[in-house]
Amino acid sequence: MLNNLDDEKIVLEIRELVAGIDSIKNDVNIYCDLMKQIFLSGSNKN
């Protein structure tokens, strides 16, 4: 019984980590899109 509780805790922790990774990936994608737009808008000025 105790092992099952430990396993469930581990599964929940892994799920929380994966959700955190997805959030970070989303933030990185937003940042990359912003940098791309800034770069492209700056290259039109030359």
Protein backbone atom coordinates (compact mmCIF):
# COMPACT_ATOMS: atom_id res chain seq x y z
CA MET A 1 0.00 0.00 0.00
CA LEU A 2 2.77 2.42 0.87
CA ASN A 3 4.53 1.74 -2.43
CA ASN A 4 1.37 2.62 -4.34
CA LEU A 5 1.15 5.97 -2.53
CA ASP A 6 4.79 6.67 -3.30
CA ASP A 7 4.23 5.75 -6.94
CA GLU A 8 1.21 8.07 -7.13
CA LYS A 9 3.25 10.93 -5.64
CA ILE A 10 5.98 10.36 -8.20
CA VAL A 11 3.46 10.32 -11.04
CA LEU A 12 1.92 13.58 -9.81
CA GLU A 13 5.34 15.21 -9.52
CA ILE A 14 6.23 14.13 -13.06
CA ARG A 15 2.96 15.52 -14.37
CA GLU A 16 3.62 18.84 -12.64
CA LEU A 17 7.12 18.97 -14.13
CA VAL A 18 5.78 18.25 -17.61
CA ALA A 19 3.17 20.98 -17.21
CA GLY A 20 5.95 23.35 -16.17
CA ILE A 21 8.01 22.41 -19.20
CA ASP A 22 5.05 23.09 -21.49
CA SER A 23 4.64 26.51 -19.90
CA ILE A 24 8.34 27.30 -20.37
CA LYS A 25 8.22 26.12 -24.00
CA ASN A 26 5.28 28.45 -24.60
CA ASP A 27 7.18 31.36 -23.04
CA VAL A 28 10.26 30.58 -25.17
CA ASN A 29 8.15 30.45 -28.33
CA ILE A 30 6.60 33.83 -27.52
CA TYR A 31 10.04 35.31 -26.85
CA CYS A 32 11.45 33.88 -30.09
CA ASP A 33 8.54 35.26 -32.10
CA LEU A 34 9.05 38.67 -30.49
CA MET A 35 12.78 38.67 -31.27
CA LYS A 36 12.06 37.58 -34.84
CA GLN A 37 9.60 40.46 -35.30
CA ILE A 38 12.05 42.94 -33.80
CA PHE A 39 14.83 41.69 -36.05
CA LEU A 40 12.68 41.78 -39.17
CA SER A 41 11.31 45.23 -38.40
CA GLY A 42 14.85 46.53 -37.83
CA SER A 43 16.16 45.05 -41.06
CA ASN A 44 13.61 47.07 -43.08
CA LYS A 45 15.11 50.34 -41.83
CA ASN A 46 18.41 49.88 -43.69
